[in-house]
N, C-alpha and C. Protein backbone atom coordinates (compact mmCIF):
# COMPACT_ATOMS: atom_id res chain seq x y z
N MET A 1 -3.78 31.97 -31.76
CA MET A 1 -3.61 32.69 -30.51
C MET A 1 -4.76 32.35 -29.57
N VAL A 2 -6.00 32.36 -30.10
CA VAL A 2 -7.15 32.04 -29.27
C VAL A 2 -7.05 30.60 -28.78
N CYS A 3 -6.58 29.70 -29.63
CA CYS A 3 -6.42 28.27 -29.25
C CYS A 3 -5.44 28.13 -28.11
N ILE A 4 -4.34 28.87 -28.16
CA ILE A 4 -3.33 28.78 -27.11
C ILE A 4 -3.90 29.30 -25.80
N ALA A 5 -4.59 30.43 -25.85
CA ALA A 5 -5.17 30.99 -24.63
C ALA A 5 -6.21 30.05 -24.04
N GLY A 6 -7.00 29.43 -24.90
CA GLY A 6 -8.00 28.46 -24.43
C GLY A 6 -7.35 27.25 -23.80
N ALA A 7 -6.28 26.77 -24.40
CA ALA A 7 -5.58 25.62 -23.85
C ALA A 7 -4.99 25.95 -22.50
N LEU A 8 -4.39 27.14 -22.37
CA LEU A 8 -3.83 27.55 -21.09
C LEU A 8 -4.91 27.68 -20.01
N ALA A 9 -6.05 28.21 -20.39
CA ALA A 9 -7.16 28.37 -19.44
C ALA A 9 -7.65 27.01 -18.97
N LEU A 10 -7.78 26.06 -19.89
CA LEU A 10 -8.20 24.71 -19.52
C LEU A 10 -7.18 24.01 -18.64
N ALA A 11 -5.91 24.21 -18.96
CA ALA A 11 -4.84 23.58 -18.16
C ALA A 11 -4.84 24.11 -16.74
N ALA A 12 -5.17 25.38 -16.56
CA ALA A 12 -5.16 25.99 -15.24
C ALA A 12 -6.35 25.54 -14.38
N CYS A 13 -7.38 24.98 -15.02
CA CYS A 13 -8.58 24.57 -14.27
C CYS A 13 -8.26 23.57 -13.16
N GLY A 14 -7.35 22.66 -13.42
CA GLY A 14 -7.05 21.62 -12.42
C GLY A 14 -5.99 22.04 -11.44
N GLU A 15 -5.45 23.24 -11.55
CA GLU A 15 -4.35 23.66 -10.68
C GLU A 15 -4.83 24.57 -9.57
N ARG A 16 -5.55 24.01 -8.64
CA ARG A 16 -6.01 24.79 -7.51
C ARG A 16 -5.25 24.35 -6.28
N GLU A 17 -4.93 25.29 -5.43
CA GLU A 17 -4.28 24.95 -4.17
C GLU A 17 -5.31 24.41 -3.23
N ALA A 18 -4.97 23.33 -2.57
CA ALA A 18 -5.88 22.74 -1.60
C ALA A 18 -5.92 23.62 -0.36
N ALA A 19 -7.13 23.81 0.15
CA ALA A 19 -7.26 24.57 1.38
C ALA A 19 -6.75 23.71 2.52
N PRO A 20 -6.11 24.31 3.49
CA PRO A 20 -5.60 23.50 4.60
C PRO A 20 -6.75 22.85 5.35
N ALA A 21 -6.57 21.59 5.70
CA ALA A 21 -7.61 20.87 6.42
C ALA A 21 -7.58 21.31 7.87
N GLY A 22 -8.73 21.63 8.40
CA GLY A 22 -8.84 22.02 9.79
C GLY A 22 -8.78 20.79 10.68
N GLU A 23 -8.59 21.04 11.94
CA GLU A 23 -8.53 19.96 12.92
C GLU A 23 -9.87 19.22 12.89
N GLY A 24 -9.84 17.92 12.65
CA GLY A 24 -11.06 17.12 12.64
C GLY A 24 -11.86 17.25 11.36
N ALA A 25 -11.37 17.99 10.37
CA ALA A 25 -12.09 18.12 9.13
C ALA A 25 -12.08 16.79 8.39
N PRO A 26 -13.24 16.42 7.78
CA PRO A 26 -13.28 15.15 7.06
C PRO A 26 -12.34 15.20 5.85
N VAL A 27 -11.71 14.09 5.60
CA VAL A 27 -10.79 13.97 4.47
C VAL A 27 -11.42 13.00 3.49
N ALA A 28 -11.57 13.44 2.24
CA ALA A 28 -12.18 12.59 1.23
C ALA A 28 -11.19 11.49 0.86
N ALA A 29 -11.73 10.31 0.66
CA ALA A 29 -10.89 9.17 0.25
C ALA A 29 -10.48 9.40 -1.20
N PRO A 30 -9.21 9.07 -1.54
CA PRO A 30 -8.76 9.23 -2.90
C PRO A 30 -9.50 8.29 -3.84
N ALA A 31 -9.53 8.67 -5.12
CA ALA A 31 -10.19 7.84 -6.12
C ALA A 31 -9.46 6.51 -6.22
N PRO A 32 -10.20 5.42 -6.45
CA PRO A 32 -9.55 4.12 -6.56
C PRO A 32 -8.60 4.07 -7.74
N VAL A 33 -7.59 3.23 -7.62
CA VAL A 33 -6.63 3.02 -8.68
C VAL A 33 -6.94 1.68 -9.32
N GLU A 34 -6.99 1.66 -10.62
CA GLU A 34 -7.30 0.44 -11.32
C GLU A 34 -6.08 -0.47 -11.37
N ALA A 35 -6.26 -1.74 -11.07
CA ALA A 35 -5.20 -2.71 -11.21
C ALA A 35 -5.25 -3.27 -12.63
N ASN A 36 -4.09 -3.68 -13.13
CA ASN A 36 -4.02 -4.18 -14.50
C ASN A 36 -4.61 -5.57 -14.67
N GLU A 37 -4.44 -6.41 -13.68
CA GLU A 37 -4.86 -7.79 -13.77
C GLU A 37 -6.14 -8.00 -12.99
N PRO A 38 -7.04 -8.87 -13.46
CA PRO A 38 -8.21 -9.19 -12.67
C PRO A 38 -7.78 -9.91 -11.40
N THR A 39 -8.50 -9.65 -10.32
CA THR A 39 -8.16 -10.27 -9.05
C THR A 39 -8.74 -11.67 -9.01
N VAL A 40 -7.95 -12.61 -8.59
CA VAL A 40 -8.39 -13.98 -8.42
C VAL A 40 -8.37 -14.33 -6.95
N GLU A 41 -9.06 -15.38 -6.59
CA GLU A 41 -9.03 -15.84 -5.20
C GLU A 41 -7.61 -16.32 -4.89
N LEU A 42 -7.04 -15.78 -3.83
CA LEU A 42 -5.66 -16.13 -3.47
C LEU A 42 -5.63 -17.42 -2.66
N THR A 43 -4.66 -18.25 -2.96
CA THR A 43 -4.38 -19.40 -2.10
C THR A 43 -3.66 -18.87 -0.87
N GLU A 44 -3.42 -19.73 0.12
CA GLU A 44 -2.68 -19.30 1.30
C GLU A 44 -1.27 -18.85 0.90
N ALA A 45 -0.65 -19.58 -0.02
CA ALA A 45 0.70 -19.20 -0.49
C ALA A 45 0.65 -17.85 -1.22
N GLY A 46 -0.37 -17.64 -2.00
CA GLY A 46 -0.54 -16.36 -2.71
C GLY A 46 -0.76 -15.21 -1.75
N LEU A 47 -1.56 -15.45 -0.72
CA LEU A 47 -1.82 -14.43 0.30
C LEU A 47 -0.51 -14.05 1.01
N ARG A 48 0.28 -15.07 1.36
CA ARG A 48 1.57 -14.79 2.00
C ARG A 48 2.47 -13.97 1.06
N ALA A 49 2.52 -14.34 -0.21
CA ALA A 49 3.37 -13.65 -1.17
C ALA A 49 2.93 -12.18 -1.35
N VAL A 50 1.63 -11.94 -1.48
CA VAL A 50 1.13 -10.58 -1.64
C VAL A 50 1.46 -9.73 -0.41
N CYS A 51 1.20 -10.26 0.76
CA CYS A 51 1.47 -9.51 1.99
C CYS A 51 2.96 -9.21 2.14
N ARG A 52 3.81 -10.19 1.86
CA ARG A 52 5.25 -9.94 1.94
C ARG A 52 5.67 -8.86 0.95
N ALA A 53 5.15 -8.91 -0.28
CA ALA A 53 5.52 -7.91 -1.30
C ALA A 53 5.06 -6.52 -0.88
N VAL A 54 3.80 -6.40 -0.47
CA VAL A 54 3.26 -5.08 -0.12
C VAL A 54 3.98 -4.50 1.09
N LEU A 55 4.15 -5.27 2.14
CA LEU A 55 4.80 -4.73 3.33
C LEU A 55 6.30 -4.47 3.10
N SER A 56 6.90 -5.18 2.15
CA SER A 56 8.30 -4.86 1.86
C SER A 56 8.40 -3.46 1.25
N VAL A 57 7.41 -3.08 0.46
CA VAL A 57 7.38 -1.73 -0.11
C VAL A 57 7.07 -0.70 0.96
N VAL A 58 6.04 -0.95 1.76
CA VAL A 58 5.63 -0.01 2.81
C VAL A 58 6.78 0.26 3.78
N HIS A 59 7.51 -0.77 4.16
CA HIS A 59 8.56 -0.64 5.18
C HIS A 59 9.95 -0.55 4.59
N GLU A 60 10.02 -0.41 3.24
CA GLU A 60 11.30 -0.24 2.55
C GLU A 60 12.29 -1.34 2.92
N GLN A 61 11.84 -2.58 2.82
CA GLN A 61 12.67 -3.75 3.11
C GLN A 61 12.74 -4.61 1.85
N GLN A 62 13.78 -5.42 1.76
CA GLN A 62 13.81 -6.43 0.70
C GLN A 62 12.75 -7.47 1.06
N VAL A 63 12.02 -7.93 0.04
CA VAL A 63 10.96 -8.91 0.32
C VAL A 63 11.53 -10.16 0.97
N ALA A 64 12.77 -10.49 0.69
CA ALA A 64 13.40 -11.67 1.29
C ALA A 64 13.56 -11.51 2.80
N ASN A 65 13.58 -10.28 3.31
CA ASN A 65 13.70 -10.04 4.75
C ASN A 65 12.41 -10.31 5.51
N LEU A 66 11.28 -10.27 4.79
CA LEU A 66 9.98 -10.46 5.46
C LEU A 66 9.66 -11.93 5.54
N ARG A 67 9.25 -12.36 6.74
CA ARG A 67 8.90 -13.74 6.96
C ARG A 67 7.42 -13.81 7.27
N ALA A 68 6.68 -14.65 6.56
CA ALA A 68 5.29 -14.90 6.87
C ALA A 68 5.26 -15.98 7.94
N ASP A 69 4.94 -15.57 9.17
CA ASP A 69 5.03 -16.48 10.31
C ASP A 69 3.79 -17.36 10.47
N GLY A 70 2.69 -16.98 9.85
CA GLY A 70 1.48 -17.80 9.95
C GLY A 70 0.30 -17.14 9.31
N VAL A 71 -0.76 -17.91 9.08
CA VAL A 71 -2.01 -17.40 8.52
C VAL A 71 -3.16 -17.95 9.36
N ALA A 72 -4.06 -17.07 9.79
CA ALA A 72 -5.25 -17.49 10.53
C ALA A 72 -6.42 -16.63 10.09
N ASP A 73 -7.48 -17.27 9.64
CA ASP A 73 -8.71 -16.56 9.22
C ASP A 73 -8.42 -15.48 8.16
N GLY A 74 -7.52 -15.76 7.23
CA GLY A 74 -7.24 -14.83 6.14
C GLY A 74 -6.30 -13.68 6.53
N VAL A 75 -5.72 -13.73 7.72
CA VAL A 75 -4.80 -12.69 8.18
C VAL A 75 -3.41 -13.32 8.29
N VAL A 76 -2.45 -12.69 7.62
CA VAL A 76 -1.06 -13.16 7.63
C VAL A 76 -0.29 -12.41 8.72
N SER A 77 0.42 -13.14 9.55
CA SER A 77 1.34 -12.55 10.55
C SER A 77 2.71 -12.52 9.93
N LEU A 78 3.36 -11.35 9.93
CA LEU A 78 4.67 -11.18 9.31
C LEU A 78 5.66 -10.62 10.32
N SER A 79 6.94 -10.86 10.04
CA SER A 79 8.00 -10.25 10.85
C SER A 79 9.21 -10.01 9.96
N TRP A 80 10.04 -9.05 10.40
CA TRP A 80 11.27 -8.71 9.68
C TRP A 80 12.24 -8.05 10.64
N PRO A 81 13.53 -8.05 10.31
CA PRO A 81 14.52 -7.45 11.20
C PRO A 81 14.25 -5.95 11.41
N ALA A 82 14.26 -5.52 12.66
CA ALA A 82 14.12 -4.10 12.95
C ALA A 82 15.41 -3.40 12.52
N PRO A 83 15.28 -2.30 11.79
CA PRO A 83 16.48 -1.66 11.24
C PRO A 83 17.37 -0.99 12.28
N VAL A 84 16.86 -0.71 13.47
CA VAL A 84 17.64 0.06 14.43
C VAL A 84 18.24 -0.82 15.54
N ASP A 85 17.39 -1.57 16.21
CA ASP A 85 17.85 -2.26 17.43
C ASP A 85 18.18 -3.73 17.26
N GLY A 86 18.05 -4.27 16.06
CA GLY A 86 18.38 -5.68 15.85
C GLY A 86 17.28 -6.63 16.26
N GLY A 87 16.18 -6.13 16.79
CA GLY A 87 15.04 -6.98 17.14
C GLY A 87 14.22 -7.32 15.91
N ARG A 88 12.94 -7.62 16.10
CA ARG A 88 12.06 -7.92 14.97
C ARG A 88 10.83 -7.04 15.05
N ARG A 89 10.42 -6.54 13.91
CA ARG A 89 9.16 -5.82 13.82
C ARG A 89 8.11 -6.80 13.34
N THR A 90 6.87 -6.59 13.73
CA THR A 90 5.79 -7.50 13.36
C THR A 90 4.58 -6.73 12.89
N ALA A 91 3.80 -7.38 12.06
CA ALA A 91 2.58 -6.79 11.53
C ALA A 91 1.64 -7.88 11.10
N GLU A 92 0.41 -7.51 10.85
CA GLU A 92 -0.58 -8.42 10.26
C GLU A 92 -1.07 -7.79 8.96
N CYS A 93 -1.50 -8.64 8.05
CA CYS A 93 -1.90 -8.19 6.72
C CYS A 93 -3.12 -9.00 6.27
N ARG A 94 -4.04 -8.33 5.59
CA ARG A 94 -5.19 -9.02 5.00
C ARG A 94 -5.46 -8.43 3.62
N VAL A 95 -6.13 -9.23 2.79
CA VAL A 95 -6.40 -8.83 1.42
C VAL A 95 -7.90 -8.96 1.16
N SER A 96 -8.46 -7.92 0.52
CA SER A 96 -9.86 -7.96 0.11
C SER A 96 -9.89 -7.51 -1.34
N GLY A 97 -10.14 -8.43 -2.25
CA GLY A 97 -10.07 -8.10 -3.68
C GLY A 97 -8.64 -7.80 -4.03
N ASP A 98 -8.39 -6.58 -4.53
CA ASP A 98 -7.01 -6.18 -4.83
C ASP A 98 -6.46 -5.16 -3.82
N VAL A 99 -7.21 -4.97 -2.74
CA VAL A 99 -6.80 -4.00 -1.70
C VAL A 99 -6.18 -4.74 -0.52
N VAL A 100 -5.04 -4.25 -0.08
CA VAL A 100 -4.30 -4.84 1.02
C VAL A 100 -4.33 -3.86 2.19
N SER A 101 -4.65 -4.35 3.37
CA SER A 101 -4.56 -3.52 4.57
C SER A 101 -3.66 -4.24 5.57
N TRP A 102 -3.05 -3.46 6.45
CA TRP A 102 -2.10 -4.02 7.41
C TRP A 102 -2.20 -3.24 8.70
N ARG A 103 -1.64 -3.84 9.75
CA ARG A 103 -1.54 -3.15 11.02
C ARG A 103 -0.28 -3.61 11.73
N PRO A 104 0.39 -2.69 12.42
CA PRO A 104 1.57 -3.07 13.20
C PRO A 104 1.12 -3.86 14.42
N THR A 105 1.94 -4.77 14.86
CA THR A 105 1.65 -5.53 16.09
C THR A 105 2.90 -5.50 16.97
N GLY A 106 2.73 -5.94 18.20
CA GLY A 106 3.86 -5.98 19.12
C GLY A 106 4.33 -4.63 19.61
N LEU A 107 3.48 -3.60 19.52
CA LEU A 107 3.86 -2.27 19.97
C LEU A 107 3.56 -2.11 21.45
N PRO A 108 4.29 -1.23 22.13
CA PRO A 108 4.05 -1.01 23.56
C PRO A 108 2.65 -0.47 23.86
N ASP A 109 2.10 0.31 22.92
CA ASP A 109 0.78 0.91 23.09
C ASP A 109 -0.20 0.21 22.17
N ASP A 110 -1.13 -0.56 22.72
CA ASP A 110 -2.11 -1.30 21.92
C ASP A 110 -2.93 -0.39 21.01
N ALA A 111 -3.14 0.86 21.43
CA ALA A 111 -3.93 1.80 20.61
C ALA A 111 -3.28 2.09 19.27
N GLN A 112 -1.96 1.92 19.16
CA GLN A 112 -1.27 2.14 17.90
C GLN A 112 -1.35 0.94 16.96
N GLU A 113 -1.88 -0.16 17.43
CA GLU A 113 -2.01 -1.37 16.62
C GLU A 113 -3.35 -1.36 15.88
N ARG A 114 -3.54 -0.36 15.04
CA ARG A 114 -4.79 -0.23 14.29
C ARG A 114 -4.56 -0.59 12.83
N TRP A 115 -5.62 -1.00 12.17
CA TRP A 115 -5.53 -1.28 10.73
C TRP A 115 -5.32 0.04 10.00
N MET A 116 -4.37 0.05 9.09
CA MET A 116 -4.04 1.26 8.34
C MET A 116 -4.96 1.35 7.12
N ASP A 117 -6.22 1.64 7.39
CA ASP A 117 -7.21 1.69 6.30
C ASP A 117 -8.18 2.85 6.44
N THR A 118 -7.72 3.93 7.09
CA THR A 118 -8.57 5.11 7.21
C THR A 118 -8.28 6.06 6.03
N ALA A 119 -9.04 7.12 5.92
CA ALA A 119 -8.86 8.09 4.84
C ALA A 119 -7.49 8.78 4.92
N GLN A 120 -6.85 8.77 6.09
CA GLN A 120 -5.54 9.40 6.24
C GLN A 120 -4.38 8.46 5.87
N ASP A 121 -4.69 7.20 5.60
CA ASP A 121 -3.67 6.20 5.26
C ASP A 121 -3.64 5.97 3.75
N PRO A 122 -2.47 5.59 3.22
CA PRO A 122 -2.42 5.23 1.79
C PRO A 122 -3.31 4.02 1.50
N ILE A 123 -3.90 4.00 0.31
CA ILE A 123 -4.61 2.82 -0.17
C ILE A 123 -3.57 1.96 -0.87
N LEU A 124 -3.52 0.69 -0.50
CA LEU A 124 -2.54 -0.24 -1.07
C LEU A 124 -3.29 -1.25 -1.92
N ARG A 125 -2.90 -1.32 -3.19
CA ARG A 125 -3.49 -2.29 -4.11
C ARG A 125 -2.37 -3.10 -4.73
N PHE A 126 -2.73 -4.24 -5.29
CA PHE A 126 -1.71 -5.07 -5.94
C PHE A 126 -2.28 -5.63 -7.24
N ALA A 127 -1.37 -5.96 -8.11
CA ALA A 127 -1.67 -6.72 -9.33
C ALA A 127 -0.53 -7.69 -9.52
N GLN A 128 -0.85 -8.92 -9.91
CA GLN A 128 0.20 -9.91 -10.09
C GLN A 128 0.29 -10.32 -11.55
N ASP A 129 1.52 -10.36 -12.03
CA ASP A 129 1.80 -10.80 -13.39
C ASP A 129 2.93 -11.82 -13.30
N GLY A 130 2.58 -13.09 -13.30
CA GLY A 130 3.59 -14.12 -13.20
C GLY A 130 4.30 -14.05 -11.88
N GLU A 131 5.61 -13.85 -11.94
CA GLU A 131 6.45 -13.83 -10.73
C GLU A 131 6.66 -12.41 -10.21
N THR A 132 5.88 -11.45 -10.68
CA THR A 132 6.03 -10.06 -10.22
C THR A 132 4.70 -9.57 -9.65
N ILE A 133 4.78 -8.93 -8.48
CA ILE A 133 3.62 -8.29 -7.87
C ILE A 133 3.85 -6.79 -7.95
N THR A 134 2.92 -6.07 -8.56
CA THR A 134 2.97 -4.62 -8.62
C THR A 134 2.19 -4.07 -7.44
N VAL A 135 2.86 -3.24 -6.64
CA VAL A 135 2.23 -2.60 -5.48
C VAL A 135 1.91 -1.17 -5.88
N ILE A 136 0.64 -0.80 -5.78
CA ILE A 136 0.17 0.53 -6.15
C ILE A 136 -0.27 1.24 -4.88
N GLN A 137 0.43 2.31 -4.54
CA GLN A 137 0.09 3.08 -3.34
C GLN A 137 -0.56 4.39 -3.77
N THR A 138 -1.74 4.66 -3.24
CA THR A 138 -2.42 5.94 -3.48
C THR A 138 -2.43 6.70 -2.16
N GLN A 139 -1.75 7.83 -2.12
CA GLN A 139 -1.65 8.64 -0.92
C GLN A 139 -2.96 9.42 -0.72
N PRO A 140 -3.21 9.89 0.50
CA PRO A 140 -4.42 10.66 0.76
C PRO A 140 -4.58 11.88 -0.15
N ASP A 141 -3.50 12.45 -0.65
CA ASP A 141 -3.59 13.61 -1.53
C ASP A 141 -3.89 13.20 -2.98
N GLY A 142 -4.02 11.88 -3.25
CA GLY A 142 -4.35 11.40 -4.58
C GLY A 142 -3.15 11.00 -5.42
N SER A 143 -1.94 11.30 -4.98
CA SER A 143 -0.76 10.91 -5.74
C SER A 143 -0.55 9.40 -5.62
N THR A 144 0.00 8.82 -6.67
CA THR A 144 0.21 7.37 -6.67
C THR A 144 1.66 7.02 -7.00
N SER A 145 2.03 5.84 -6.55
CA SER A 145 3.33 5.29 -6.93
C SER A 145 3.13 3.81 -7.19
N ARG A 146 3.96 3.29 -8.05
CA ARG A 146 3.91 1.85 -8.41
C ARG A 146 5.30 1.27 -8.19
N THR A 147 5.36 0.11 -7.56
CA THR A 147 6.62 -0.58 -7.37
C THR A 147 6.41 -2.05 -7.74
N ASP A 148 7.27 -2.56 -8.61
CA ASP A 148 7.23 -3.96 -8.98
C ASP A 148 8.14 -4.74 -8.05
N VAL A 149 7.63 -5.82 -7.48
CA VAL A 149 8.40 -6.66 -6.58
C VAL A 149 8.43 -8.08 -7.18
N ALA A 150 9.61 -8.58 -7.44
CA ALA A 150 9.75 -9.91 -7.97
C ALA A 150 9.61 -10.91 -6.83
N LEU A 151 8.89 -11.99 -7.06
CA LEU A 151 8.65 -12.95 -5.99
C LEU A 151 9.90 -13.70 -5.58
N ASN A 152 10.96 -13.59 -6.36
CA ASN A 152 12.22 -14.23 -5.97
C ASN A 152 12.96 -13.41 -4.93
N GLY A 153 12.35 -12.31 -4.44
CA GLY A 153 12.94 -11.56 -3.35
C GLY A 153 13.63 -10.28 -3.75
N GLN A 154 13.67 -9.98 -5.04
CA GLN A 154 14.35 -8.76 -5.48
C GLN A 154 13.33 -7.77 -6.02
N GLU A 155 13.49 -6.51 -5.67
CA GLU A 155 12.61 -5.46 -6.18
C GLU A 155 12.93 -5.24 -7.64
N ALA A 156 11.92 -5.26 -8.48
CA ALA A 156 12.13 -5.12 -9.92
C ALA A 156 12.06 -3.68 -10.40
N ARG A 157 11.27 -2.86 -9.76
CA ARG A 157 10.99 -1.46 -10.11
C ARG A 157 10.83 -1.35 -11.59
């Protein structure tokens, strides 16, 4: 009986409701997520593949829909069909270690074309195993999701 009560008390320790964040209150960055594979220096083709895989997950697109239009100074320019108006959406992507950051481009308001790498944005990491790239998203609240993307253009999940 004492063991059960102790276990319940310990289990309840981590179950605290988060206080609502006030306007302008600092938000702590979530703890890093470990990738399974050691990160290696990416070739240009590898950089294109990682960016296509990660942005396909972020924008809920098939990786085959994303086109890597070019690479300059380690930044990949990407585009894909816009889901609503038939135009094209564009973004840039860069990789540092196993962390991927991106920013939308071609928006009417230049101020919205910021790198999505603040404490309020998900942290995007990747690990590659052969022909599969695992995309690990850590949300600002600390929750994580993993999505496997096959390099042949099909999501493996």
